[in-house]
Structures are given as structure tokens and as C-alpha cells.
C-alpha atoms as a PDB file:
ATOM      1  CA  MET A   1      -7.403  -9.599  20.359  1.00  0.00           C
ATOM      2  CA  SER A   2      -4.914  -7.922  22.714  1.00  0.00           C
ATOM      3  CA  LEU A   3      -2.795  -4.288  22.219  1.00  0.00           C
ATOM      4  CA  LYS A   4       0.537  -6.004  22.239  1.00  0.00           C
ATOM      5  CA  LYS A   5      -1.132  -9.057  20.085  1.00  0.00           C
ATOM      6  CA  ALA A   6      -2.065  -6.803  17.484  1.00  0.00           C
ATOM      7  CA  TYR A   7       0.870  -4.051  17.519  1.00  0.00           C
ATOM      8  CA  LEU A   8       3.200  -7.977  16.636  1.00  0.00           C
ATOM      9  CA  TYR A   9       0.753  -8.028  14.098  1.00  0.00           C
ATOM     10  CA  ILE A  10       1.415  -4.895  12.608  1.00  0.00           C
ATOM     11  CA  PHE A  11       4.955  -5.008  12.906  1.00  0.00           C
ATOM     12  CA  ILE A  12       4.778  -8.686  10.845  1.00  0.00           C
ATOM     13  CA  VAL A  13       3.007  -6.149   7.712  1.00  0.00           C
ATOM     14  CA  LEU A  14       5.178  -3.547   8.546  1.00  0.00           C
ATOM     15  CA  LEU A  15       8.535  -5.937   8.182  1.00  0.00           C
ATOM     16  CA  ILE A  16       7.299  -8.020   5.413  1.00  0.00           C
ATOM     17  CA  ASP A  17       6.221  -4.435   3.635  1.00  0.00           C
ATOM     18  CA  GLN A  18       9.615  -2.857   3.789  1.00  0.00           C
ATOM     19  CA  ILE A  19      11.485  -6.173   3.383  1.00  0.00           C
ATOM     20  CA  SER A  20       9.841  -6.413  -0.252  1.00  0.00           C
ATOM     21  CA  LYS A  21      10.491  -3.040  -0.293  1.00  0.00           C
ATOM     22  CA  VAL A  22      14.295  -2.739   0.443  1.00  0.00           C
ATOM     23  CA  TYR A  23      14.360  -5.814  -1.671  1.00  0.00           C
ATOM     24  CA  ILE A  24      12.942  -4.460  -5.143  1.00  0.00           C
ATOM     25  CA  LYS A  25      14.870  -0.881  -4.459  1.00  0.00           C
ATOM     26  CA  THR A  26      17.934  -2.632  -4.427  1.00  0.00           C
ATOM     27  CA  ASN A  27      17.965  -5.322  -6.647  1.00  0.00           C
ATOM     28  CA  PHE A  28      15.802  -3.944  -9.414  1.00  0.00           C
ATOM     29  CA  PHE A  29      16.609  -0.362 -11.549  1.00  0.00           C
ATOM     30  CA  LEU A  30      13.261   1.293 -12.442  1.00  0.00           C
ATOM     31  CA  ASN A  31      10.455  -0.100 -14.892  1.00  0.00           C
ATOM     32  CA  GLU A  32      12.947  -3.553 -14.273  1.00  0.00           C
ATOM     33  CA  GLU A  33      10.676  -6.766 -15.023  1.00  0.00           C
ATOM     34  CA  VAL A  34      10.441 -10.189 -14.306  1.00  0.00           C
ATOM     35  CA  LYS A  35       8.224 -12.394 -15.440  1.00  0.00           C
ATOM     36  CA  VAL A  36       7.143 -15.322 -12.692  1.00  0.00           C
ATOM     37  CA  PHE A  37       3.803 -16.500 -14.454  1.00  0.00           C
ATOM     38  CA  GLU A  38       2.360 -14.824 -17.735  1.00  0.00           C
ATOM     39  CA  TRP A  39      -0.407 -13.825 -15.137  1.00  0.00           C
ATOM     40  CA  PHE A  40       2.492 -12.356 -12.183  1.00  0.00           C
ATOM     41  CA  ARG A  41       5.424  -9.850 -12.787  1.00  0.00           C
ATOM     42  CA  ILE A  42       7.365  -8.273 -10.771  1.00  0.00           C
ATOM     43  CA  HIS A  43       7.940  -4.857 -12.007  1.00  0.00           C
ATOM     44  CA  PHE A  44       9.091  -2.178 -10.108  1.00  0.00           C
ATOM     45  CA  ILE A  45       8.030   1.666 -10.714  1.00  0.00           C
ATOM     46  CA  GLU A  46       7.562   4.281  -8.191  1.00  0.00           C
ATOM     47  CA  ASN A  47       5.142   7.090  -6.808  1.00  0.00           C
ATOM     48  CA  GLU A  48       4.176  10.526  -5.318  1.00  0.00           C
ATOM     49  CA  GLY A  49       0.776   9.532  -4.443  1.00  0.00           C
ATOM     50  CA  MET A  50      -1.609   6.916  -2.736  1.00  0.00           C
ATOM     51  CA  ALA A  51      -2.413   3.591  -3.146  1.00  0.00           C
ATOM     52  CA  TRP A  52      -2.251   2.234  -6.411  1.00  0.00           C
ATOM     53  CA  GLY A  53      -0.903   4.927  -7.618  1.00  0.00           C
ATOM     54  CA  ALA A  54      -3.150   7.716  -7.187  1.00  0.00           C
ATOM     55  CA  GLU A  55      -1.692  11.305  -6.526  1.00  0.00           C
ATOM     56  CA  ILE A  56      -2.767  14.796  -5.613  1.00  0.00           C
ATOM     57  CA  PRO A  57      -1.776  17.256  -8.415  1.00  0.00           C
ATOM     58  CA  GLY A  58       0.104  20.246  -7.081  1.00  0.00           C
ATOM     59  CA  ASP A  59       3.738  21.798  -6.576  1.00  0.00           C
ATOM     60  CA  TYR A  60       2.542  20.954  -2.898  1.00  0.00           C
ATOM     61  CA  GLY A  61       0.426  17.803  -2.982  1.00  0.00           C
ATOM     62  CA  LYS A  62       3.429  15.778  -1.774  1.00  0.00           C
ATOM     63  CA  ILE A  63       3.603  16.600   1.523  1.00  0.00           C
ATOM     64  CA  ILE A  64       0.057  17.236   2.024  1.00  0.00           C
ATOM     65  CA  LEU A  65      -0.901  13.829   1.347  1.00  0.00           C
ATOM     66  CA  THR A  66       2.125  12.898   3.442  1.00  0.00           C
ATOM     67  CA  VAL A  67       0.988  14.957   6.201  1.00  0.00           C
ATOM     68  CA  PHE A  68      -2.508  13.858   5.511  1.00  0.00           C
ATOM     69  CA  ARG A  69      -1.327  10.543   6.300  1.00  0.00           C
ATOM     70  CA  ILE A  70       0.337  10.426   9.337  1.00  0.00           C
ATOM     71  CA  PHE A  71      -2.518  12.176  11.009  1.00  0.00           C
ATOM     72  CA  ALA A  72      -4.408   9.859   9.652  1.00  0.00           C
ATOM     73  CA  VAL A  73      -2.244   6.711  11.035  1.00  0.00           C
ATOM     74  CA  PHE A  74      -2.755   8.334  14.757  1.00  0.00           C
ATOM     75  CA  GLY A  75      -6.215   8.564  13.938  1.00  0.00           C
ATOM     76  CA  ILE A  76      -6.671   4.868  13.245  1.00  0.00           C
ATOM     77  CA  ALA A  77      -4.330   4.177  16.177  1.00  0.00           C
ATOM     78  CA  TRP A  78      -6.796   5.799  18.771  1.00  0.00           C
ATOM     79  CA  TRP A  79      -9.731   3.903  16.781  1.00  0.00           C
ATOM     80  CA  LEU A  80      -7.451   0.457  17.487  1.00  0.00           C
ATOM     81  CA  GLN A  81      -6.545   1.359  21.101  1.00  0.00           C
ATOM     82  CA  ASP A  82     -10.516   1.926  21.091  1.00  0.00           C
ATOM     83  CA  SER A  83     -12.096  -0.576  19.654  1.00  0.00           C
ATOM     84  CA  ILE A  84      -9.977  -2.621  21.826  1.00  0.00           C
ATOM     85  CA  LYS A  85     -10.803  -1.457  24.952  1.00  0.00           C
ATOM     86  CA  LYS A  86     -14.608  -1.929  23.545  1.00  0.00           C
ATOM     87  CA  ASN A  87     -13.550  -6.025  23.376  1.00  0.00           C
ATOM     88  CA  SER A  88     -14.652  -5.401  19.588  1.00  0.00           C
ATOM     89  CA  SER A  89     -15.408  -7.812  17.022  1.00  0.00           C
ATOM     90  CA  LYS A  90     -12.214  -9.661  15.568  1.00  0.00           C
ATOM     91  CA  TYR A  91     -13.607  -8.677  11.832  1.00  0.00           C
ATOM     92  CA  LEU A  92     -13.341  -5.014  13.232  1.00  0.00           C
ATOM     93  CA  LEU A  93      -9.862  -5.893  14.682  1.00  0.00           C
ATOM     94  CA  VAL A  94      -8.084  -7.143  11.935  1.00  0.00           C
ATOM     95  CA  ALA A  95      -9.270  -5.018   9.446  1.00  0.00           C
ATOM     96  CA  ILE A  96      -8.041  -1.627  11.508  1.00  0.00           C
ATOM     97  CA  VAL A  97      -4.680  -3.527  11.874  1.00  0.00           C
ATOM     98  CA  LEU A  98      -4.151  -4.269   8.378  1.00  0.00           C
ATOM     99  CA  ILE A  99      -5.323  -0.621   7.539  1.00  0.00           C
ATOM    100  CA  PHE A 100      -3.134   1.031  10.089  1.00  0.00           C
ATOM    101  CA  ALA A 101      -0.286  -0.963   8.797  1.00  0.00           C
ATOM    102  CA  GLY A 102      -0.575  -0.530   5.391  1.00  0.00           C
ATOM    103  CA  ALA A 103      -0.583   3.186   5.755  1.00  0.00           C
ATOM    104  CA  LEU A 104       2.311   2.542   8.316  1.00  0.00           C
ATOM    105  CA  GLY A 105       4.391   1.003   5.199  1.00  0.00           C
ATOM    106  CA  ASN A 106       3.330   3.928   2.873  1.00  0.00           C
ATOM    107  CA  ILE A 107       4.224   6.589   5.519  1.00  0.00           C
ATOM    108  CA  ILE A 108       7.821   5.494   6.274  1.00  0.00           C
ATOM    109  CA  ASP A 109       8.906   5.042   1.959  1.00  0.00           C
ATOM    110  CA  SER A 110       6.943   9.160   1.372  1.00  0.00           C
ATOM    111  CA  VAL A 111       9.518  10.503   4.801  1.00  0.00           C
ATOM    112  CA  PHE A 112      12.353   8.693   5.039  1.00  0.00           C
ATOM    113  CA  TYR A 113      13.338   6.949   1.372  1.00  0.00           C
ATOM    114  CA  GLY A 114      13.939  10.271   0.141  1.00  0.00           C
ATOM    115  CA  VAL A 115      16.867  10.763   2.450  1.00  0.00           C
ATOM    116  CA  ILE A 116      18.297   7.284   2.656  1.00  0.00           C
ATOM    117  CA  PHE A 117      18.633   5.453  -1.498  1.00  0.00           C
ATOM    118  CA  ASP A 118      19.903   7.424  -4.011  1.00  0.00           C
ATOM    119  CA  ASP A 119      17.521   6.962  -7.668  1.00  0.00           C
ATOM    120  CA  SER A 120      17.021   3.566  -9.478  1.00  0.00           C
ATOM    121  CA  TYR A 121      16.682   5.606 -13.252  1.00  0.00           C
ATOM    122  CA  HIS A 122      18.719   3.333 -14.913  1.00  0.00           C
ATOM    123  CA  GLN A 123      20.978   1.785 -12.193  1.00  0.00           C
ATOM    124  CA  VAL A 124      20.602  -0.419  -8.627  1.00  0.00           C
ATOM    125  CA  ALA A 125      19.865   2.228  -5.947  1.00  0.00           C
ATOM    126  CA  THR A 126      22.018   2.572  -3.068  1.00  0.00           C
ATOM    127  CA  ILE A 127      20.604   2.444   0.213  1.00  0.00           C
ATOM    128  CA  PHE A 128      22.455   4.576   3.010  1.00  0.00           C
ATOM    129  CA  ALA A 129      23.377   7.128  -0.004  1.00  0.00           C
ATOM    130  CA  GLU A 130      25.934  10.169   0.307  1.00  0.00           C
ATOM    131  CA  GLU A 131      23.593  11.718  -2.884  1.00  0.00           C
ATOM    132  CA  PRO A 132      19.907  10.890  -2.168  1.00  0.00           C
ATOM    133  CA  TYR A 133      17.417  11.636  -4.776  1.00  0.00           C
ATOM    134  CA  GLY A 134      15.372  13.083  -2.922  1.00  0.00           C
ATOM    135  CA  THR A 135      14.679  15.110   1.112  1.00  0.00           C
ATOM    136  CA  TRP A 136      12.477  14.176   4.129  1.00  0.00           C
ATOM    137  CA  PHE A 137       9.123  14.233   3.263  1.00  0.00           C
ATOM    138  CA  HIS A 138       8.875  13.797  -0.622  1.00  0.00           C
ATOM    139  CA  GLY A 139      10.354  10.440  -0.493  1.00  0.00           C
ATOM    140  CA  GLU A 140       8.376   7.896  -3.256  1.00  0.00           C
ATOM    141  CA  VAL A 141       6.585   4.961  -2.570  1.00  0.00           C
ATOM    142  CA  VAL A 142       7.644   1.304  -4.542  1.00  0.00           C
ATOM    143  CA  ASP A 143       5.431  -0.462  -6.583  1.00  0.00           C
ATOM    144  CA  MET A 144       5.872  -3.896  -7.534  1.00  0.00           C
ATOM    145  CA  PHE A 145       3.593  -6.575  -7.477  1.00  0.00           C
ATOM    146  CA  TYR A 146       1.774  -6.971 -11.254  1.00  0.00           C
ATOM    147  CA  PHE A 147      -0.927  -8.966 -11.983  1.00  0.00           C
ATOM    148  CA  PRO A 148      -2.140  -8.227 -15.682  1.00  0.00           C
ATOM    149  CA  PHE A 149      -4.800 -11.200 -16.363  1.00  0.00           C
ATOM    150  CA  ILE A 150      -6.059 -10.248 -19.355  1.00  0.00           C
ATOM    151  CA  VAL A 151      -3.201  -8.108 -21.930  1.00  0.00           C
ATOM    152  CA  ASP A 152      -4.010  -5.719 -24.604  1.00  0.00           C
ATOM    153  CA  TYR A 153      -7.314  -8.008 -25.149  1.00  0.00           C
ATOM    154  CA  PRO A 154      -9.169  -5.485 -28.445  1.00  0.00           C
ATOM    155  CA  MET A 155     -12.084  -4.499 -27.656  1.00  0.00           C
ATOM    156  CA  PRO A 156     -14.848  -4.655 -29.516  1.00  0.00           C
ATOM    157  CA  GLU A 157     -16.192  -1.183 -31.064  1.00  0.00           C
ATOM    158  CA  TRP A 158     -19.493  -0.919 -29.457  1.00  0.00           C
ATOM    159  CA  VAL A 159     -17.695  -1.036 -26.171  1.00  0.00           C
ATOM    160  CA  PRO A 160     -18.224   2.304 -24.829  1.00  0.00           C
ATOM    161  CA  PHE A 161     -15.199   4.638 -24.032  1.00  0.00           C
ATOM    162  CA  ILE A 162     -12.932   1.683 -24.420  1.00  0.00           C
ATOM    163  CA  GLY A 163     -14.270   0.222 -27.533  1.00  0.00           C
ATOM    164  CA  GLY A 164     -11.570  -0.046 -30.018  1.00  0.00           C
ATOM    165  CA  LYS A 165      -8.787   0.262 -28.120  1.00  0.00           C
ATOM    166  CA  PRO A 166      -6.611  -2.092 -25.667  1.00  0.00           C
ATOM    167  CA  PHE A 167      -7.260  -3.762 -22.818  1.00  0.00           C
ATOM    168  CA  THR A 168      -5.501  -5.087 -19.682  1.00  0.00           C
ATOM    169  CA  PHE A 169      -6.997  -6.135 -16.000  1.00  0.00           C
ATOM    170  CA  PHE A 170      -5.841  -6.030 -13.988  1.00  0.00           C
ATOM    171  CA  ASN A 171      -3.700  -2.964 -14.573  1.00  0.00           C
ATOM    172  CA  ALA A 172      -2.512  -1.813 -11.199  1.00  0.00           C
ATOM    173  CA  ILE A 173       0.882  -2.461  -9.449  1.00  0.00           C
ATOM    174  CA  PHE A 174       0.830  -2.352  -6.217  1.00  0.00           C
ATOM    175  CA  ASN A 175       2.679  -3.208  -2.996  1.00  0.00           C
ATOM    176  CA  VAL A 176       1.991  -5.241   0.596  1.00  0.00           C
ATOM    177  CA  ALA A 177       0.714  -1.785   2.078  1.00  0.00           C
ATOM    178  CA  ASP A 178      -1.568  -1.474  -0.461  1.00  0.00           C
ATOM    179  CA  PHE A 179      -2.536  -4.941  -0.447  1.00  0.00           C
ATOM    180  CA  ALA A 180      -3.367  -4.789   3.502  1.00  0.00           C
ATOM    181  CA  ILE A 181      -5.482  -1.454   3.394  1.00  0.00           C
ATOM    182  CA  SER A 182      -7.485  -2.506   0.293  1.00  0.00           C
ATOM    183  CA  VAL A 183      -8.444  -6.554   2.637  1.00  0.00           C
ATOM    184  CA  GLY A 184      -8.620  -4.668   5.285  1.00  0.00           C
ATOM    185  CA  VAL A 185     -10.995  -2.149   3.858  1.00  0.00           C
ATOM    186  CA  GLY A 186     -12.736  -5.021   2.194  1.00  0.00           C
ATOM    187  CA  ILE A 187     -13.184  -6.619   5.285  1.00  0.00           C
ATOM    188  CA  LEU A 188     -15.047  -3.577   6.638  1.00  0.00           C
ATOM    189  CA  ILE A 189     -17.408  -3.325   3.526  1.00  0.00           C
ATOM    190  CA  VAL A 190     -18.336  -7.729   2.950  1.00  0.00           C
ATOM    191  CA  PHE A 191     -18.555  -8.486   6.636  1.00  0.00           C
ATOM    192  CA  ASN A 192     -19.758  -4.334   7.980  1.00  0.00           C
ATOM    193  CA  LYS A 193     -22.697  -6.782  10.105  1.00  0.00           C
ATOM    194  CA  LYS A 194     -20.112  -8.937  11.575  1.00  0.00           C
ATOM    195  CA  ALA A 195     -17.201  -6.070  12.240  1.00  0.00           C
ATOM    196  CA  PHE A 196     -19.330  -3.491  13.495  1.00  0.00           C
ATOM    197  CA  GLY A 197     -22.442  -5.314  14.839  1.00  0.00           C
ATOM    198  CA  GLU A 198     -22.305  -5.786  18.868  1.00  0.00           C
ATOM    199  CA  ASN A 199     -24.276  -9.777  18.806  1.00  0.00           C
ATOM    200  CA  HIS A 200     -19.911 -10.524  19.920  1.00  0.00           C
ATOM    201  CA  LEU A 201     -20.683  -8.155  22.674  1.00  0.00           C
ATOM    202  CA  LEU A 202     -24.607  -9.684  23.678  1.00  0.00           C
ATOM    203  CA  ALA A 203     -22.964 -12.949  23.583  1.00  0.00           C
ATOM    204  CA  LYS A 204     -20.506 -12.785  25.939  1.00  0.00           C
END
């Protein structure tokens, strides 16, 4: 994979991610849900944290996370260029491209969304709003994909920790960027030997 092709793939993932987020932000109010199927719903939420809604607590948690993401993206960009120069495995390159594009997609939300959108509480947000909801580096990440395969299943009392409580699987709400990061990490885990092995170099 050439560097130009890698940048093209990153651009495509970013474009899909941002189009989906802007569409949701400008057509849904917060917590609005559309049921596509019983197991697949478009449910608009926002979060201040990492992929899949994780957060860093504290007053400065958001800015720390955003700055960390920016440094991480620079590190991933260097990793991608170095891996391409070394003619690394396509498994590794695809994984890095997906992780890079996903991280950059959520950074765009964090850095810019607070100053270009107004809030989505009980209303549909306006892009390039006169009174934006936040400040630079304090934007919230837009999530929308929800796949509740099992909803409020009554767990038996004998099950540790969750016995007697309603159980939902899969309960996370995510976006295209989160999905890209997860697939990239999944490739590194599942195809670890092919991603980091040297057999592809020896064969050339």
C-alpha cells in the first residue's frame, strides 16, 4: 500500500464518519431514536469521552483527553509512514489506517463541534450557529448506531452481579470512527502474526 492510497482510505472513512455525524446532529434532537429493525436503531447521543462513550472524570478531563488524542494521532501518522517505508504487511497497514481515521474523526468532534453547532437539547442543532454550545477543544462526540440484540432480558437470580436485573446486549452506542478503531484493533489481535510477522518480507 502506498502512502497516497493510505491517505485516500483515511479520507473515505473520515468523510463517511463526518457526513453521518453532521446529518444526525442537524436532523435529530438529543436522545431521539429511529427503529430501523428491532435489533438496529439510530439513537442520537453525545459524549465527552473516548470510543464507546468512556470518559476521563474531572474538570480538565475533556481537554486532557483531546490533547492526548492529538498527540496519539501524530504518533499513529508516524507509525503509518514508517510501516509503509518498511513494506509492512497489508494487515498491519489496513489496521493502522482504520485506527488513524477513527481517532482523527473523533478529534474533529472534540476540537470543532463545540464552536460550530448549537446544542441538541429538545431541538435540532444548527451548523455554524451564532450561539454555539461550547468552546474550542470542548466539543462532544456524536454517536448514533445502536444494536440491542437482547433488550431487558430478565437474568436469573443465580447469575453473579447481574442476577435478577434486566439485561441488554449489545448496549453500546457508537459511530463510524469508533467502529473503524475497533476493527483496526481487532485486525491486530486476530491477525497478529500476519500483521507483525516478517514472512511477507522474506517472500519478496
